[in-house]
Amino acid sequence: MSILKGTKVTRIELINLKKDQSFIQKAIALLDEKMTVLTIKVKEIAFQANRLKRELDDKMARAFEKLSLANMQMGLDNIDEIADTSRKRTEVKIREESFMGIIIPQIDLIIGERQLPDFGIFRTSIYLDEAEKLFSDILELVIRLSEVENSGYRLIIELRKTQKRVNALEFILTPDYKKTIEYLETILEESERDDLVAMKFSKDFLVKKQNRKYI
């Protein structure tokens, strides 16, 4: 703790410091509320991310299983040929949303309609169709997971910044204000006592002087 630099030993300065001290306490309370909200949101995002990862792992395993069965049934060359005929187009659009002043990117995956392939349906396998559906779901899950993890990362950074602000206010600025206020109160009280003693001495002196005139 240390005395705030540039502090003037006046009653007005003491009043202003007490007002600032009250404002700092309100700021700490508001920042604590913000930290609580951010912490809850981060926990929600962590839960979502874990759920998406489990779903992603499950679909990845199923997709490769279906692709392996299709490969055994159709052969790798036929699968490659069919893959080359795919005309499904995807587009990613990123928009921004705000949460407590924090910019959170939102990713929209736009999947266009696929044109019909130029091969007969009897050349394909149901396993390939199932694998294609699963990989399409996987793409959406990857996009969603990246969105959630990015949001969580930004919220954690803001949470750490807010914690640093609270620590600075609570453990550095608040003690300095408290010490400075106590210092001013002590000095001003001593000064006021000295002034009272001086006034009393002056009054007694004047009274004695006035009394001597009438003796």
C-alpha atoms as a PDB file:
ATOM      1  CA  MET A   1       0.000   0.000   0.000  1.00  0.00           C
ATOM      2  CA  SER A   2       1.145   3.515  -0.748  1.00  0.00           C
ATOM      3  CA  ILE A   3      -0.160   7.062  -0.639  1.00  0.00           C
ATOM      4  CA  LEU A   4      -1.630   8.206  -3.959  1.00  0.00           C
ATOM      5  CA  LYS A   5       0.696  10.629  -5.713  1.00  0.00           C
ATOM      6  CA  GLY A   6      -0.364  14.247  -6.051  1.00  0.00           C
ATOM      7  CA  THR A   7      -2.760  14.055  -3.114  1.00  0.00           C
ATOM      8  CA  LYS A   8      -3.531  17.422  -1.535  1.00  0.00           C
ATOM      9  CA  VAL A   9      -4.125  17.598   2.198  1.00  0.00           C
ATOM     10  CA  THR A  10      -7.514  19.288   2.056  1.00  0.00           C
ATOM     11  CA  ARG A  11     -11.022  18.436   3.180  1.00  0.00           C
ATOM     12  CA  ILE A  12     -12.280  18.652  -0.434  1.00  0.00           C
ATOM     13  CA  GLU A  13      -9.609  16.183  -1.537  1.00  0.00           C
ATOM     14  CA  LEU A  14     -10.725  13.784   1.191  1.00  0.00           C
ATOM     15  CA  ILE A  15     -14.359  14.042   0.065  1.00  0.00           C
ATOM     16  CA  ASN A  16     -13.381  13.389  -3.572  1.00  0.00           C
ATOM     17  CA  LEU A  17     -11.259  10.392  -2.598  1.00  0.00           C
ATOM     18  CA  LYS A  18     -14.162   8.869  -0.675  1.00  0.00           C
ATOM     19  CA  LYS A  19     -16.407   9.340  -3.719  1.00  0.00           C
ATOM     20  CA  ASP A  20     -13.788   7.640  -5.920  1.00  0.00           C
ATOM     21  CA  GLN A  21     -13.480   4.823  -3.396  1.00  0.00           C
ATOM     22  CA  SER A  22     -17.243   4.259  -3.517  1.00  0.00           C
ATOM     23  CA  PHE A  23     -17.147   4.228  -7.334  1.00  0.00           C
ATOM     24  CA  ILE A  24     -14.326   1.659  -7.290  1.00  0.00           C
ATOM     25  CA  GLN A  25     -16.362  -0.650  -5.041  1.00  0.00           C
ATOM     26  CA  LYS A  26     -19.315  -0.412  -7.426  1.00  0.00           C
ATOM     27  CA  ALA A  27     -17.001  -1.162 -10.357  1.00  0.00           C
ATOM     28  CA  ILE A  28     -15.664  -4.249  -8.565  1.00  0.00           C
ATOM     29  CA  ALA A  29     -19.226  -5.463  -7.923  1.00  0.00           C
ATOM     30  CA  LEU A  30     -20.166  -5.017 -11.595  1.00  0.00           C
ATOM     31  CA  LEU A  31     -17.019  -6.791 -12.776  1.00  0.00           C
ATOM     32  CA  ASP A  32     -17.714  -9.650 -10.354  1.00  0.00           C
ATOM     33  CA  GLU A  33     -21.175 -10.010 -11.894  1.00  0.00           C
ATOM     34  CA  LYS A  34     -19.637 -10.008 -15.371  1.00  0.00           C
ATOM     35  CA  MET A  35     -17.185 -12.733 -14.327  1.00  0.00           C
ATOM     36  CA  THR A  36     -20.044 -14.839 -12.993  1.00  0.00           C
ATOM     37  CA  VAL A  37     -21.969 -14.566 -16.271  1.00  0.00           C
ATOM     38  CA  LEU A  38     -18.835 -15.300 -18.329  1.00  0.00           C
ATOM     39  CA  THR A  39     -17.958 -18.310 -16.176  1.00  0.00           C
ATOM     40  CA  ILE A  40     -21.441 -19.790 -16.623  1.00  0.00           C
ATOM     41  CA  LYS A  41     -21.264 -19.193 -20.387  1.00  0.00           C
ATOM     42  CA  VAL A  42     -17.811 -20.784 -20.653  1.00  0.00           C
ATOM     43  CA  LYS A  43     -19.062 -23.871 -18.794  1.00  0.00           C
ATOM     44  CA  GLU A  44     -22.021 -24.122 -21.174  1.00  0.00           C
ATOM     45  CA  ILE A  45     -19.703 -23.874 -24.176  1.00  0.00           C
ATOM     46  CA  ALA A  46     -17.339 -26.487 -22.726  1.00  0.00           C
ATOM     47  CA  PHE A  47     -20.309 -28.844 -22.326  1.00  0.00           C
ATOM     48  CA  GLN A  48     -21.396 -28.191 -25.935  1.00  0.00           C
ATOM     49  CA  ALA A  49     -17.855 -28.735 -27.230  1.00  0.00           C
ATOM     50  CA  ASN A  50     -17.512 -32.067 -25.416  1.00  0.00           C
ATOM     51  CA  ARG A  51     -20.898 -33.221 -26.731  1.00  0.00           C
ATOM     52  CA  LEU A  52     -19.964 -32.238 -30.295  1.00  0.00           C
ATOM     53  CA  LYS A  53     -16.609 -34.033 -30.015  1.00  0.00           C
ATOM     54  CA  ARG A  54     -18.292 -37.233 -28.875  1.00  0.00           C
ATOM     55  CA  GLU A  55     -20.821 -36.997 -31.695  1.00  0.00           C
ATOM     56  CA  LEU A  56     -18.049 -36.256 -34.183  1.00  0.00           C
ATOM     57  CA  ASP A  57     -15.977 -39.254 -33.057  1.00  0.00           C
ATOM     58  CA  ASP A  58     -19.025 -41.514 -33.319  1.00  0.00           C
ATOM     59  CA  LYS A  59     -19.951 -40.371 -36.828  1.00  0.00           C
ATOM     60  CA  MET A  60     -16.352 -40.530 -38.031  1.00  0.00           C
ATOM     61  CA  ALA A  61     -16.120 -44.170 -36.924  1.00  0.00           C
ATOM     62  CA  ARG A  62     -19.452 -45.032 -38.570  1.00  0.00           C
ATOM     63  CA  ALA A  63     -18.625 -43.138 -41.767  1.00  0.00           C
ATOM     64  CA  PHE A  64     -15.323 -44.945 -42.303  1.00  0.00           C
ATOM     65  CA  GLU A  65     -16.990 -48.252 -41.480  1.00  0.00           C
ATOM     66  CA  LYS A  66     -19.632 -47.642 -44.196  1.00  0.00           C
ATOM     67  CA  LEU A  67     -16.937 -46.476 -46.617  1.00  0.00           C
ATOM     68  CA  SER A  68     -14.949 -49.643 -45.963  1.00  0.00           C
ATOM     69  CA  LEU A  69     -18.018 -51.810 -46.644  1.00  0.00           C
ATOM     70  CA  ALA A  70     -18.729 -49.857 -49.844  1.00  0.00           C
ATOM     71  CA  ASN A  71     -15.116 -50.350 -50.912  1.00  0.00           C
ATOM     72  CA  MET A  72     -15.370 -54.101 -50.430  1.00  0.00           C
ATOM     73  CA  GLN A  73     -18.631 -54.209 -52.380  1.00  0.00           C
ATOM     74  CA  MET A  74     -17.785 -51.804 -55.209  1.00  0.00           C
ATOM     75  CA  GLY A  75     -14.016 -51.540 -55.340  1.00  0.00           C
ATOM     76  CA  LEU A  76     -11.884 -48.441 -54.799  1.00  0.00           C
ATOM     77  CA  ASP A  77     -11.730 -47.477 -58.498  1.00  0.00           C
ATOM     78  CA  ASN A  78     -15.525 -47.297 -58.776  1.00  0.00           C
ATOM     79  CA  ILE A  79     -15.765 -45.207 -55.601  1.00  0.00           C
ATOM     80  CA  ASP A  80     -13.134 -42.791 -56.929  1.00  0.00           C
ATOM     81  CA  GLU A  81     -14.994 -42.489 -60.218  1.00  0.00           C
ATOM     82  CA  ILE A  82     -18.288 -41.757 -58.466  1.00  0.00           C
ATOM     83  CA  ALA A  83     -16.595 -39.243 -56.157  1.00  0.00           C
ATOM     84  CA  ASP A  84     -15.233 -37.379 -59.172  1.00  0.00           C
ATOM     85  CA  THR A  85     -18.775 -36.903 -60.522  1.00  0.00           C
ATOM     86  CA  SER A  86     -20.008 -35.208 -57.350  1.00  0.00           C
ATOM     87  CA  ARG A  87     -21.013 -31.593 -57.892  1.00  0.00           C
ATOM     88  CA  LYS A  88     -22.200 -30.757 -54.391  1.00  0.00           C
ATOM     89  CA  ARG A  89     -21.091 -27.249 -53.529  1.00  0.00           C
ATOM     90  CA  THR A  90     -20.668 -25.818 -50.060  1.00  0.00           C
ATOM     91  CA  GLU A  91     -20.288 -22.243 -48.939  1.00  0.00           C
ATOM     92  CA  VAL A  92     -19.330 -20.794 -45.586  1.00  0.00           C
ATOM     93  CA  LYS A  93     -20.598 -17.418 -44.405  1.00  0.00           C
ATOM     94  CA  ILE A  94     -19.338 -15.805 -41.226  1.00  0.00           C
ATOM     95  CA  ARG A  95     -21.414 -13.286 -39.321  1.00  0.00           C
ATOM     96  CA  GLU A  96     -20.750 -11.618 -36.001  1.00  0.00           C
ATOM     97  CA  GLU A  97     -22.813 -11.493 -32.835  1.00  0.00           C
ATOM     98  CA  SER A  98     -22.107  -9.653 -29.597  1.00  0.00           C
ATOM     99  CA  PHE A  99     -22.206 -11.156 -26.115  1.00  0.00           C
ATOM    100  CA  MET A 100     -21.518  -8.650 -23.326  1.00  0.00           C
ATOM    101  CA  GLY A 101     -19.536  -6.559 -25.790  1.00  0.00           C
ATOM    102  CA  ILE A 102     -17.495  -9.563 -26.991  1.00  0.00           C
ATOM    103  CA  ILE A 103     -17.616 -10.263 -30.722  1.00  0.00           C
ATOM    104  CA  ILE A 104     -18.543 -13.907 -31.291  1.00  0.00           C
ATOM    105  CA  PRO A 105     -18.280 -15.275 -34.860  1.00  0.00           C
ATOM    106  CA  GLN A 106     -21.193 -17.358 -36.107  1.00  0.00           C
ATOM    107  CA  ILE A 107     -20.555 -19.707 -39.034  1.00  0.00           C
ATOM    108  CA  ASP A 108     -23.311 -20.604 -41.472  1.00  0.00           C
ATOM    109  CA  LEU A 109     -22.693 -23.618 -43.708  1.00  0.00           C
ATOM    110  CA  ILE A 110     -24.648 -23.446 -46.937  1.00  0.00           C
ATOM    111  CA  ILE A 111     -24.847 -26.722 -48.866  1.00  0.00           C
ATOM    112  CA  GLY A 112     -26.116 -26.467 -52.414  1.00  0.00           C
ATOM    113  CA  GLU A 113     -28.155 -29.148 -54.122  1.00  0.00           C
ATOM    114  CA  ARG A 114     -26.078 -31.783 -55.808  1.00  0.00           C
ATOM    115  CA  GLN A 115     -26.638 -32.424 -59.465  1.00  0.00           C
ATOM    116  CA  LEU A 116     -27.564 -35.952 -60.389  1.00  0.00           C
ATOM    117  CA  PRO A 117     -24.497 -38.051 -61.272  1.00  0.00           C
ATOM    118  CA  ASP A 118     -24.071 -39.487 -64.754  1.00  0.00           C
ATOM    119  CA  PHE A 119     -23.915 -43.091 -63.561  1.00  0.00           C
ATOM    120  CA  GLY A 120     -26.632 -45.654 -62.997  1.00  0.00           C
ATOM    121  CA  ILE A 121     -28.016 -46.262 -59.558  1.00  0.00           C
ATOM    122  CA  PHE A 122     -27.197 -49.956 -59.829  1.00  0.00           C
ATOM    123  CA  ARG A 123     -23.463 -49.155 -59.801  1.00  0.00           C
ATOM    124  CA  THR A 124     -23.651 -47.683 -56.316  1.00  0.00           C
ATOM    125  CA  SER A 125     -23.944 -49.251 -52.903  1.00  0.00           C
ATOM    126  CA  ILE A 126     -26.238 -48.336 -50.053  1.00  0.00           C
ATOM    127  CA  TYR A 127     -23.141 -48.249 -47.874  1.00  0.00           C
ATOM    128  CA  LEU A 128     -21.717 -45.469 -50.043  1.00  0.00           C
ATOM    129  CA  ASP A 129     -24.924 -43.469 -49.729  1.00  0.00           C
ATOM    130  CA  GLU A 130     -24.847 -43.893 -45.968  1.00  0.00           C
ATOM    131  CA  ALA A 131     -21.163 -42.904 -45.847  1.00  0.00           C
ATOM    132  CA  GLU A 132     -21.883 -39.787 -47.910  1.00  0.00           C
ATOM    133  CA  LYS A 133     -24.659 -38.758 -45.519  1.00  0.00           C
ATOM    134  CA  LEU A 134     -22.423 -39.307 -42.513  1.00  0.00           C
ATOM    135  CA  PHE A 135     -19.535 -37.294 -44.014  1.00  0.00           C
ATOM    136  CA  SER A 136     -21.963 -34.490 -44.784  1.00  0.00           C
ATOM    137  CA  ASP A 137     -23.033 -34.523 -41.134  1.00  0.00           C
ATOM    138  CA  ILE A 138     -19.383 -34.567 -40.110  1.00  0.00           C
ATOM    139  CA  LEU A 139     -18.695 -31.405 -42.106  1.00  0.00           C
ATOM    140  CA  GLU A 140     -21.502 -29.614 -40.294  1.00  0.00           C
ATOM    141  CA  LEU A 141     -20.235 -30.887 -36.942  1.00  0.00           C
ATOM    142  CA  VAL A 142     -16.691 -29.678 -37.669  1.00  0.00           C
ATOM    143  CA  ILE A 143     -18.011 -26.223 -38.556  1.00  0.00           C
ATOM    144  CA  ARG A 144     -20.168 -26.139 -35.442  1.00  0.00           C
ATOM    145  CA  LEU A 145     -17.326 -27.337 -33.212  1.00  0.00           C
ATOM    146  CA  SER A 146     -14.920 -24.717 -34.569  1.00  0.00           C
ATOM    147  CA  GLU A 147     -17.557 -22.045 -33.932  1.00  0.00           C
ATOM    148  CA  VAL A 148     -18.121 -23.197 -30.344  1.00  0.00           C
ATOM    149  CA  GLU A 149     -14.417 -23.553 -29.531  1.00  0.00           C
ATOM    150  CA  ASN A 150     -13.620 -20.132 -30.999  1.00  0.00           C
ATOM    151  CA  SER A 151     -16.402 -18.588 -28.916  1.00  0.00           C
ATOM    152  CA  GLY A 152     -15.098 -20.302 -25.798  1.00  0.00           C
ATOM    153  CA  TYR A 153     -11.561 -19.099 -26.502  1.00  0.00           C
ATOM    154  CA  ARG A 154     -12.698 -15.474 -26.821  1.00  0.00           C
ATOM    155  CA  LEU A 155     -14.817 -15.664 -23.680  1.00  0.00           C
ATOM    156  CA  ILE A 156     -11.927 -17.151 -21.677  1.00  0.00           C
ATOM    157  CA  ILE A 157      -9.636 -14.319 -22.808  1.00  0.00           C
ATOM    158  CA  GLU A 158     -12.254 -11.761 -21.712  1.00  0.00           C
ATOM    159  CA  LEU A 159     -12.730 -13.610 -18.423  1.00  0.00           C
ATOM    160  CA  ARG A 160      -8.987 -13.427 -17.706  1.00  0.00           C
ATOM    161  CA  LYS A 161      -8.893  -9.715 -18.587  1.00  0.00           C
ATOM    162  CA  THR A 162     -11.822  -9.053 -16.268  1.00  0.00           C
ATOM    163  CA  GLN A 163     -10.136 -11.008 -13.470  1.00  0.00           C
ATOM    164  CA  LYS A 164      -6.998  -8.884 -13.877  1.00  0.00           C
ATOM    165  CA  ARG A 165      -9.070  -5.693 -13.667  1.00  0.00           C
ATOM    166  CA  VAL A 166     -10.776  -6.923 -10.492  1.00  0.00           C
ATOM    167  CA  ASN A 167      -7.439  -7.868  -8.940  1.00  0.00           C
ATOM    168  CA  ALA A 168      -5.972  -4.458  -9.801  1.00  0.00           C
ATOM    169  CA  LEU A 169      -8.933  -2.630  -8.298  1.00  0.00           C
ATOM    170  CA  GLU A 170      -9.320  -4.865  -5.266  1.00  0.00           C
ATOM    171  CA  PHE A 171      -5.726  -5.561  -4.273  1.00  0.00           C
ATOM    172  CA  ILE A 172      -3.842  -2.486  -5.533  1.00  0.00           C
ATOM    173  CA  LEU A 173      -6.073   0.538  -5.994  1.00  0.00           C
ATOM    174  CA  THR A 174      -8.475  -0.088  -3.097  1.00  0.00           C
ATOM    175  CA  PRO A 175      -5.688  -0.462  -0.454  1.00  0.00           C
ATOM    176  CA  ASP A 176      -3.957   2.665  -1.791  1.00  0.00           C
ATOM    177  CA  TYR A 177      -7.182   4.656  -1.543  1.00  0.00           C
ATOM    178  CA  LYS A 178      -7.836   3.316   1.944  1.00  0.00           C
ATOM    179  CA  LYS A 179      -4.352   4.243   3.147  1.00  0.00           C
ATOM    180  CA  THR A 180      -4.524   7.682   1.529  1.00  0.00           C
ATOM    181  CA  ILE A 181      -7.929   8.409   3.063  1.00  0.00           C
ATOM    182  CA  GLU A 182      -6.743   7.288   6.506  1.00  0.00           C
ATOM    183  CA  TYR A 183      -3.624   9.426   6.095  1.00  0.00           C
ATOM    184  CA  LEU A 184      -5.661  12.529   5.150  1.00  0.00           C
ATOM    185  CA  GLU A 185      -8.150  11.966   7.967  1.00  0.00           C
ATOM    186  CA  THR A 186      -5.305  11.724  10.486  1.00  0.00           C
ATOM    187  CA  ILE A 187      -3.519  14.827   9.178  1.00  0.00           C
ATOM    188  CA  LEU A 188      -6.726  16.865   8.938  1.00  0.00           C
ATOM    189  CA  GLU A 189      -7.887  15.832  12.421  1.00  0.00           C
ATOM    190  CA  GLU A 190      -4.506  16.793  13.887  1.00  0.00           C
ATOM    191  CA  SER A 191      -4.598  20.099  12.002  1.00  0.00           C
ATOM    192  CA  GLU A 192      -8.129  20.817  13.215  1.00  0.00           C
ATOM    193  CA  ARG A 193      -7.130  20.020  16.806  1.00  0.00           C
ATOM    194  CA  ASP A 194      -4.140  22.321  16.483  1.00  0.00           C
ATOM    195  CA  ASP A 195      -6.410  25.035  15.076  1.00  0.00           C
ATOM    196  CA  LEU A 196      -8.817  24.617  17.985  1.00  0.00           C
ATOM    197  CA  VAL A 197      -5.988  24.809  20.508  1.00  0.00           C
ATOM    198  CA  ALA A 198      -4.601  27.897  18.758  1.00  0.00           C
ATOM    199  CA  MET A 199      -8.041  29.516  18.699  1.00  0.00           C
ATOM    200  CA  LYS A 200      -8.586  28.750  22.368  1.00  0.00           C
ATOM    201  CA  PHE A 201      -5.169  30.116  23.232  1.00  0.00           C
ATOM    202  CA  SER A 202      -5.840  33.251  21.194  1.00  0.00           C
ATOM    203  CA  LYS A 203      -9.254  33.695  22.805  1.00  0.00           C
ATOM    204  CA  ASP A 204      -7.820  33.287  26.299  1.00  0.00           C
ATOM    205  CA  PHE A 205      -5.027  35.711  25.487  1.00  0.00           C
ATOM    206  CA  LEU A 206      -7.468  38.314  24.156  1.00  0.00           C
ATOM    207  CA  VAL A 207      -9.710  37.891  27.194  1.00  0.00           C
ATOM    208  CA  LYS A 208      -6.792  38.338  29.573  1.00  0.00           C
ATOM    209  CA  LYS A 209      -5.559  41.325  27.608  1.00  0.00           C
ATOM    210  CA  GLN A 210      -9.039  42.878  27.677  1.00  0.00           C
ATOM    211  CA  ASN A 211      -9.339  42.283  31.415  1.00  0.00           C
ATOM    212  CA  ARG A 212      -6.013  43.981  32.115  1.00  0.00           C
ATOM    213  CA  LYS A 213      -7.363  47.191  30.542  1.00  0.00           C
ATOM    214  CA  TYR A 214      -9.987  47.477  33.257  1.00  0.00           C
ATOM    215  CA  ILE A 215      -7.642  46.813  36.186  1.00  0.00           C
END
